[in-house]
Amino acid sequence: MTLKPLAVVLCLATLGMAGCASKYIEPEEYSGFLKNYQVLKEEKSPSGAAVSRWIKPGIDVSQFTSVYVEPSQLYPQPQPTEKIPQSTLDGITKYYDQVLQTQFAKALPLASGPGPHVLVVRPAITAVSAKTKSLQPYEVIPIALIAAGISTATGIRDQDTTIATEAAFLDGGNNEVVAQVVRKGAGAELDNSSQVMTANDAKAVLDGWARDMVKSFESLKK
């Protein structure tokens, strides 16, 4: 085998391994937003997506008669880039708040703040990234704002967007954590490396996360 074909084979093998990357958030990717990651277990969400989560054993969710969704955070605080500007980050958190409130309102009345019998939802966006499609992806690290501008030649490739969340669910009466979840998802594809990511590119992911959270809560009621 000549040197050039061998290089091609090695490249394809590398890309194949990259494409098999875990859909779960790896421990080294945890942001530090949650207090205890050791209790998390890899499971499937109601929609069948990969999630790492923990639910307090024996929790009686019927004690919660309303829900308060705290404003979502960007954690740790990121530095915006031309690829993912501050307006995109602000738009993502704003929409996340809206969709969480909309979905949880289907299960419980919305509360104006924490208190007895109030389920508190504390969400965070912990990673936002864009990588060149069909190339070895950059590692998704907590709130790494990554633009895959490898060269002029690769700049014409489509780009995948990725977003991650961590959320804690608390008893509003005593501030005790009763559940936690960590997950990531794929946003809309960008046409090329020069296209700016917008909040709209993440909306489908945020919608799915909110629906799964509420379905998980409702399953506990049964």
C-alpha atoms as a PDB file:
ATOM      1  CA  MET A   1       0.000   0.000   0.000  1.00  0.00           C
ATOM      2  CA  THR A   2       1.410   3.374  -0.965  1.00  0.00           C
ATOM      3  CA  LEU A   3       1.788   6.166   1.506  1.00  0.00           C
ATOM      4  CA  LYS A   4      -1.098   8.256   0.181  1.00  0.00           C
ATOM      5  CA  PRO A   5      -3.782   5.491   0.288  1.00  0.00           C
ATOM      6  CA  LEU A   6      -2.546   4.535   3.761  1.00  0.00           C
ATOM      7  CA  ALA A   7      -3.027   8.110   4.930  1.00  0.00           C
ATOM      8  CA  VAL A   8      -6.573   8.092   3.558  1.00  0.00           C
ATOM      9  CA  VAL A   9      -7.397   4.863   5.381  1.00  0.00           C
ATOM     10  CA  LEU A  10      -6.030   6.222   8.652  1.00  0.00           C
ATOM     11  CA  CYS A  11      -8.022   9.432   8.202  1.00  0.00           C
ATOM     12  CA  LEU A  12     -11.254   7.534   7.556  1.00  0.00           C
ATOM     13  CA  ALA A  13     -10.634   5.350  10.586  1.00  0.00           C
ATOM     14  CA  THR A  14     -10.135   8.421  12.741  1.00  0.00           C
ATOM     15  CA  LEU A  15     -13.349   9.983  11.479  1.00  0.00           C
ATOM     16  CA  GLY A  16     -15.212   6.764  12.110  1.00  0.00           C
ATOM     17  CA  MET A  17     -14.131   6.681  15.741  1.00  0.00           C
ATOM     18  CA  ALA A  18     -15.118  10.325  16.158  1.00  0.00           C
ATOM     19  CA  GLY A  19     -18.565   9.613  14.808  1.00  0.00           C
ATOM     20  CA  CYS A  20     -19.052   6.948  17.503  1.00  0.00           C
ATOM     21  CA  ALA A  21     -18.513   9.398  20.347  1.00  0.00           C
ATOM     22  CA  SER A  22     -20.770   8.920  23.326  1.00  0.00           C
ATOM     23  CA  LYS A  23     -24.067  10.760  23.357  1.00  0.00           C
ATOM     24  CA  TYR A  24     -23.728  11.066  27.124  1.00  0.00           C
ATOM     25  CA  ILE A  25     -21.930  13.950  28.796  1.00  0.00           C
ATOM     26  CA  GLU A  26     -18.565  12.669  29.980  1.00  0.00           C
ATOM     27  CA  PRO A  27     -17.426  13.454  33.553  1.00  0.00           C
ATOM     28  CA  GLU A  28     -14.617  15.674  32.278  1.00  0.00           C
ATOM     29  CA  GLU A  29     -17.267  17.791  30.536  1.00  0.00           C
ATOM     30  CA  TYR A  30     -19.236  18.555  33.727  1.00  0.00           C
ATOM     31  CA  SER A  31     -19.401  22.291  34.354  1.00  0.00           C
ATOM     32  CA  GLY A  32     -19.549  22.355  38.156  1.00  0.00           C
ATOM     33  CA  PHE A  33     -23.076  23.786  38.137  1.00  0.00           C
ATOM     34  CA  LEU A  34     -24.509  20.808  40.027  1.00  0.00           C
ATOM     35  CA  LYS A  35     -23.449  19.987  43.572  1.00  0.00           C
ATOM     36  CA  ASN A  36     -23.094  16.218  43.215  1.00  0.00           C
ATOM     37  CA  TYR A  37     -22.279  14.426  39.973  1.00  0.00           C
ATOM     38  CA  GLN A  38     -21.366  11.097  41.537  1.00  0.00           C
ATOM     39  CA  VAL A  39     -25.012  10.085  41.920  1.00  0.00           C
ATOM     40  CA  LEU A  40     -25.784  10.488  38.213  1.00  0.00           C
ATOM     41  CA  LYS A  41     -26.603   7.371  36.187  1.00  0.00           C
ATOM     42  CA  GLU A  42     -26.748   6.956  32.421  1.00  0.00           C
ATOM     43  CA  GLU A  43     -30.353   6.420  31.400  1.00  0.00           C
ATOM     44  CA  LYS A  44     -32.828   7.223  28.627  1.00  0.00           C
ATOM     45  CA  SER A  45     -35.211  10.159  28.629  1.00  0.00           C
ATOM     46  CA  PRO A  46     -38.930   9.684  27.838  1.00  0.00           C
ATOM     47  CA  SER A  47     -38.106  10.446  24.195  1.00  0.00           C
ATOM     48  CA  GLY A  48     -35.312   7.863  24.177  1.00  0.00           C
ATOM     49  CA  ALA A  49     -32.411  10.329  24.308  1.00  0.00           C
ATOM     50  CA  ALA A  50     -29.241   9.692  26.307  1.00  0.00           C
ATOM     51  CA  VAL A  51     -29.264  11.477  29.677  1.00  0.00           C
ATOM     52  CA  SER A  52     -27.362  11.264  32.938  1.00  0.00           C
ATOM     53  CA  ARG A  53     -29.738  11.812  35.836  1.00  0.00           C
ATOM     54  CA  TRP A  54     -30.569  11.176  39.441  1.00  0.00           C
ATOM     55  CA  ILE A  55     -33.943  11.187  41.197  1.00  0.00           C
ATOM     56  CA  LYS A  56     -34.202  11.067  44.977  1.00  0.00           C
ATOM     57  CA  PRO A  57     -35.313   7.546  45.932  1.00  0.00           C
ATOM     58  CA  GLY A  58     -38.865   7.411  47.203  1.00  0.00           C
ATOM     59  CA  ILE A  59     -39.644  11.021  46.281  1.00  0.00           C
ATOM     60  CA  ASP A  60     -43.365  11.797  46.411  1.00  0.00           C
ATOM     61  CA  VAL A  61     -43.906  14.423  43.731  1.00  0.00           C
ATOM     62  CA  SER A  62     -47.562  14.793  44.679  1.00  0.00           C
ATOM     63  CA  GLN A  63     -46.329  17.110  47.445  1.00  0.00           C
ATOM     64  CA  PHE A  64     -45.593  19.738  44.803  1.00  0.00           C
ATOM     65  CA  THR A  65     -48.638  21.815  43.959  1.00  0.00           C
ATOM     66  CA  SER A  66     -46.876  24.436  41.821  1.00  0.00           C
ATOM     67  CA  VAL A  67     -43.594  24.969  39.978  1.00  0.00           C
ATOM     68  CA  TYR A  68     -41.130  27.847  39.797  1.00  0.00           C
ATOM     69  CA  VAL A  69     -38.674  28.005  36.897  1.00  0.00           C
ATOM     70  CA  GLU A  70     -35.605  30.033  37.806  1.00  0.00           C
ATOM     71  CA  PRO A  71     -34.034  32.108  35.020  1.00  0.00           C
ATOM     72  CA  SER A  72     -31.615  29.850  33.179  1.00  0.00           C
ATOM     73  CA  GLN A  73     -27.905  30.557  33.477  1.00  0.00           C
ATOM     74  CA  LEU A  74     -24.877  30.360  31.197  1.00  0.00           C
ATOM     75  CA  TYR A  75     -22.429  28.454  33.360  1.00  0.00           C
ATOM     76  CA  PRO A  76     -19.570  29.195  33.538  1.00  0.00           C
ATOM     77  CA  GLN A  77     -19.983  32.665  32.061  1.00  0.00           C
ATOM     78  CA  PRO A  78     -18.720  32.451  28.460  1.00  0.00           C
ATOM     79  CA  GLN A  79     -16.855  34.859  26.257  1.00  0.00           C
ATOM     80  CA  PRO A  80     -18.913  35.494  23.092  1.00  0.00           C
ATOM     81  CA  THR A  81     -17.311  35.046  19.666  1.00  0.00           C
ATOM     82  CA  GLU A  82     -18.132  36.137  16.143  1.00  0.00           C
ATOM     83  CA  LYS A  83     -19.474  32.644  15.515  1.00  0.00           C
ATOM     84  CA  ILE A  84     -21.607  32.546  18.676  1.00  0.00           C
ATOM     85  CA  PRO A  85     -22.287  36.160  19.740  1.00  0.00           C
ATOM     86  CA  GLN A  86     -23.809  37.385  22.990  1.00  0.00           C
ATOM     87  CA  SER A  87     -27.162  37.901  21.275  1.00  0.00           C
ATOM     88  CA  THR A  88     -27.272  34.173  20.491  1.00  0.00           C
ATOM     89  CA  LEU A  89     -26.409  33.187  24.056  1.00  0.00           C
ATOM     90  CA  ASP A  90     -29.024  35.576  25.454  1.00  0.00           C
ATOM     91  CA  GLY A  91     -31.583  34.281  22.986  1.00  0.00           C
ATOM     92  CA  ILE A  92     -30.913  30.683  23.973  1.00  0.00           C
ATOM     93  CA  THR A  93     -31.429  31.307  27.693  1.00  0.00           C
ATOM     94  CA  LYS A  94     -34.506  33.456  27.053  1.00  0.00           C
ATOM     95  CA  TYR A  95     -36.125  30.776  24.926  1.00  0.00           C
ATOM     96  CA  TYR A  96     -35.138  28.034  27.384  1.00  0.00           C
ATOM     97  CA  ASP A  97     -36.966  29.930  30.134  1.00  0.00           C
ATOM     98  CA  GLN A  98     -40.058  30.330  27.964  1.00  0.00           C
ATOM     99  CA  VAL A  99     -40.298  26.738  26.853  1.00  0.00           C
ATOM    100  CA  LEU A 100     -39.679  25.374  30.364  1.00  0.00           C
ATOM    101  CA  GLN A 101     -42.469  27.546  31.733  1.00  0.00           C
ATOM    102  CA  THR A 102     -44.791  26.569  28.883  1.00  0.00           C
ATOM    103  CA  GLN A 103     -44.203  22.848  29.313  1.00  0.00           C
ATOM    104  CA  PHE A 104     -44.264  22.764  33.129  1.00  0.00           C
ATOM    105  CA  ALA A 105     -47.456  24.842  33.151  1.00  0.00           C
ATOM    106  CA  LYS A 106     -49.134  21.811  31.560  1.00  0.00           C
ATOM    107  CA  ALA A 107     -48.361  19.789  34.691  1.00  0.00           C
ATOM    108  CA  LEU A 108     -48.487  22.355  37.519  1.00  0.00           C
ATOM    109  CA  PRO A 109     -49.520  25.968  38.082  1.00  0.00           C
ATOM    110  CA  LEU A 110     -46.608  28.373  37.803  1.00  0.00           C
ATOM    111  CA  ALA A 111     -45.404  29.946  41.057  1.00  0.00           C
ATOM    112  CA  SER A 112     -43.829  33.395  41.409  1.00  0.00           C
ATOM    113  CA  GLY A 113     -40.995  32.093  43.576  1.00  0.00           C
ATOM    114  CA  PRO A 114     -39.794  29.261  45.836  1.00  0.00           C
ATOM    115  CA  GLY A 115     -41.823  28.167  48.831  1.00  0.00           C
ATOM    116  CA  PRO A 116     -43.468  25.172  50.527  1.00  0.00           C
ATOM    117  CA  HIS A 117     -44.896  22.650  48.047  1.00  0.00           C
ATOM    118  CA  VAL A 118     -43.167  24.422  45.143  1.00  0.00           C
ATOM    119  CA  LEU A 119     -40.962  22.463  42.756  1.00  0.00           C
ATOM    120  CA  VAL A 120     -38.045  24.689  41.779  1.00  0.00           C
ATOM    121  CA  VAL A 121     -36.431  24.120  38.389  1.00  0.00           C
ATOM    122  CA  ARG A 122     -32.863  25.482  38.233  1.00  0.00           C
ATOM    123  CA  PRO A 123     -31.501  25.166  34.642  1.00  0.00           C
ATOM    124  CA  ALA A 124     -28.205  26.076  33.024  1.00  0.00           C
ATOM    125  CA  ILE A 125     -26.740  26.029  29.538  1.00  0.00           C
ATOM    126  CA  THR A 126     -23.246  24.608  30.032  1.00  0.00           C
ATOM    127  CA  ALA A 127     -21.881  24.246  26.494  1.00  0.00           C
ATOM    128  CA  VAL A 128     -22.497  25.715  23.060  1.00  0.00           C
ATOM    129  CA  SER A 129     -20.341  24.720  20.095  1.00  0.00           C
ATOM    130  CA  ALA A 130     -20.132  24.508  16.319  1.00  0.00           C
ATOM    131  CA  LYS A 131     -17.929  22.023  14.479  1.00  0.00           C
ATOM    132  CA  THR A 132     -17.270  21.249  10.850  1.00  0.00           C
ATOM    133  CA  LYS A 133     -19.428  18.416   9.602  1.00  0.00           C
ATOM    134  CA  SER A 134     -17.680  15.234   8.434  1.00  0.00           C
ATOM    135  CA  LEU A 135     -14.414  16.192  10.090  1.00  0.00           C
ATOM    136  CA  GLN A 136     -13.131  15.023  13.450  1.00  0.00           C
ATOM    137  CA  PRO A 137     -15.186  17.088  15.901  1.00  0.00           C
ATOM    138  CA  TYR A 138     -13.686  19.361  18.471  1.00  0.00           C
ATOM    139  CA  GLU A 139     -14.233  18.218  22.015  1.00  0.00           C
ATOM    140  CA  VAL A 140     -17.313  19.779  23.590  1.00  0.00           C
ATOM    141  CA  ILE A 141     -16.091  21.259  26.865  1.00  0.00           C
ATOM    142  CA  PRO A 142     -18.140  23.324  29.319  1.00  0.00           C
ATOM    143  CA  ILE A 143     -19.290  26.507  27.607  1.00  0.00           C
ATOM    144  CA  ALA A 144     -16.534  26.245  24.985  1.00  0.00           C
ATOM    145  CA  LEU A 145     -17.583  28.595  22.200  1.00  0.00           C
ATOM    146  CA  ILE A 146     -15.947  26.776  19.329  1.00  0.00           C
ATOM    147  CA  ALA A 147     -15.867  27.774  15.658  1.00  0.00           C
ATOM    148  CA  ALA A 148     -14.317  25.170  13.379  1.00  0.00           C
ATOM    149  CA  GLY A 149     -12.534  27.414  10.881  1.00  0.00           C
ATOM    150  CA  ILE A 150      -9.839  24.963   9.820  1.00  0.00           C
ATOM    151  CA  SER A 151      -9.078  26.426   6.399  1.00  0.00           C
ATOM    152  CA  THR A 152     -10.645  28.158   3.449  1.00  0.00           C
ATOM    153  CA  ALA A 153     -11.213  24.776   1.851  1.00  0.00           C
ATOM    154  CA  THR A 154     -13.084  23.316   4.815  1.00  0.00           C
ATOM    155  CA  GLY A 155     -15.012  26.519   5.433  1.00  0.00           C
ATOM    156  CA  ILE A 156     -17.561  25.536   2.797  1.00  0.00           C
ATOM    157  CA  ARG A 157     -18.590  22.419   4.712  1.00  0.00           C
ATOM    158  CA  ASP A 158     -21.806  22.234   6.696  1.00  0.00           C
ATOM    159  CA  GLN A 159     -21.345  22.637  10.438  1.00  0.00           C
ATOM    160  CA  ASP A 160     -23.027  20.807  13.297  1.00  0.00           C
ATOM    161  CA  THR A 161     -24.100  22.728  16.389  1.00  0.00           C
ATOM    162  CA  THR A 162     -24.146  21.197  19.856  1.00  0.00           C
ATOM    163  CA  ILE A 163     -25.623  22.459  23.102  1.00  0.00           C
ATOM    164  CA  ALA A 164     -25.572  21.007  26.624  1.00  0.00           C
ATOM    165  CA  THR A 165     -27.595  21.556  29.776  1.00  0.00           C
ATOM    166  CA  GLU A 166     -27.466  20.739  33.459  1.00  0.00           C
ATOM    167  CA  ALA A 167     -30.520  21.191  35.671  1.00  0.00           C
ATOM    168  CA  ALA A 168     -31.337  20.719  39.323  1.00  0.00           C
ATOM    169  CA  PHE A 169     -34.832  20.275  40.744  1.00  0.00           C
ATOM    170  CA  LEU A 170     -35.357  21.409  44.310  1.00  0.00           C
ATOM    171  CA  ASP A 171     -37.957  21.314  47.038  1.00  0.00           C
ATOM    172  CA  GLY A 172     -38.863  24.983  47.384  1.00  0.00           C
ATOM    173  CA  GLY A 173     -39.690  24.513  51.054  1.00  0.00           C
ATOM    174  CA  ASN A 174     -36.269  23.375  52.253  1.00  0.00           C
ATOM    175  CA  ASN A 175     -34.016  23.865  49.183  1.00  0.00           C
ATOM    176  CA  GLU A 176     -33.247  20.146  49.054  1.00  0.00           C
ATOM    177  CA  VAL A 177     -32.209  18.768  45.668  1.00  0.00           C
ATOM    178  CA  VAL A 178     -34.675  16.080  44.598  1.00  0.00           C
ATOM    179  CA  ALA A 179     -33.455  15.429  41.047  1.00  0.00           C
ATOM    180  CA  GLN A 180     -30.668  16.299  38.609  1.00  0.00           C
ATOM    181  CA  VAL A 181     -30.149  15.862  34.877  1.00  0.00           C
ATOM    182  CA  VAL A 182     -27.260  16.385  32.462  1.00  0.00           C
ATOM    183  CA  ARG A 183     -27.595  16.020  28.696  1.00  0.00           C
ATOM    184  CA  LYS A 184     -26.558  17.384  25.319  1.00  0.00           C
ATOM    185  CA  GLY A 185     -28.208  17.644  21.940  1.00  0.00           C
ATOM    186  CA  ALA A 186     -27.630  18.560  18.313  1.00  0.00           C
ATOM    187  CA  GLY A 187     -28.937  21.858  17.022  1.00  0.00           C
ATOM    188  CA  ALA A 188     -29.586  22.874  13.425  1.00  0.00           C
ATOM    189  CA  GLU A 189     -26.826  22.531  10.848  1.00  0.00           C
ATOM    190  CA  LEU A 190     -25.072  25.685   9.696  1.00  0.00           C
ATOM    191  CA  ASP A 191     -24.341  26.086   5.994  1.00  0.00           C
ATOM    192  CA  ASN A 192     -20.658  26.882   6.457  1.00  0.00           C
ATOM    193  CA  SER A 193     -18.040  28.074   8.910  1.00  0.00           C
ATOM    194  CA  SER A 194     -18.855  31.731   8.301  1.00  0.00           C
ATOM    195  CA  GLN A 195     -22.535  31.415   9.220  1.00  0.00           C
ATOM    196  CA  VAL A 196     -23.325  32.829  12.648  1.00  0.00           C
ATOM    197  CA  MET A 197     -25.211  30.564  15.029  1.00  0.00           C
ATOM    198  CA  THR A 198     -28.511  32.012  16.276  1.00  0.00           C
ATOM    199  CA  ALA A 199     -30.900  31.044  19.057  1.00  0.00           C
ATOM    200  CA  ASN A 200     -33.254  29.613  16.434  1.00  0.00           C
ATOM    201  CA  ASP A 201     -30.681  26.911  15.700  1.00  0.00           C
ATOM    202  CA  ALA A 202     -31.103  25.578  19.246  1.00  0.00           C
ATOM    203  CA  LYS A 203     -34.880  25.865  19.670  1.00  0.00           C
ATOM    204  CA  ALA A 204     -35.738  22.305  18.639  1.00  0.00           C
ATOM    205  CA  VAL A 205     -33.244  20.948  21.183  1.00  0.00           C
ATOM    206  CA  LEU A 206     -34.588  23.164  23.962  1.00  0.00           C
ATOM    207  CA  ASP A 207     -38.160  22.149  23.123  1.00  0.00           C
ATOM    208  CA  GLY A 208     -37.231  18.470  23.434  1.00  0.00           C
ATOM    209  CA  TRP A 209     -35.437  18.957  26.739  1.00  0.00           C
ATOM    210  CA  ALA A 210     -38.408  20.753  28.280  1.00  0.00           C
ATOM    211  CA  ARG A 211     -40.884  18.132  27.085  1.00  0.00           C
ATOM    212  CA  ASP A 212     -38.737  15.325  28.480  1.00  0.00           C
ATOM    213  CA  MET A 213     -38.389  17.050  31.858  1.00  0.00           C
ATOM    214  CA  VAL A 214     -42.145  17.365  32.219  1.00  0.00           C
ATOM    215  CA  LYS A 215     -42.814  13.811  31.034  1.00  0.00           C
ATOM    216  CA  SER A 216     -40.280  12.532  33.579  1.00  0.00           C
ATOM    217  CA  PHE A 217     -42.064  14.468  36.318  1.00  0.00           C
ATOM    218  CA  GLU A 218     -45.463  13.151  35.238  1.00  0.00           C
ATOM    219  CA  SER A 219     -44.170   9.574  35.163  1.00  0.00           C
ATOM    220  CA  LEU A 220     -43.214   9.901  38.827  1.00  0.00           C
ATOM    221  CA  LYS A 221     -46.777  10.903  39.677  1.00  0.00           C
ATOM    222  CA  LYS A 222     -47.960   7.548  38.370  1.00  0.00           C
END
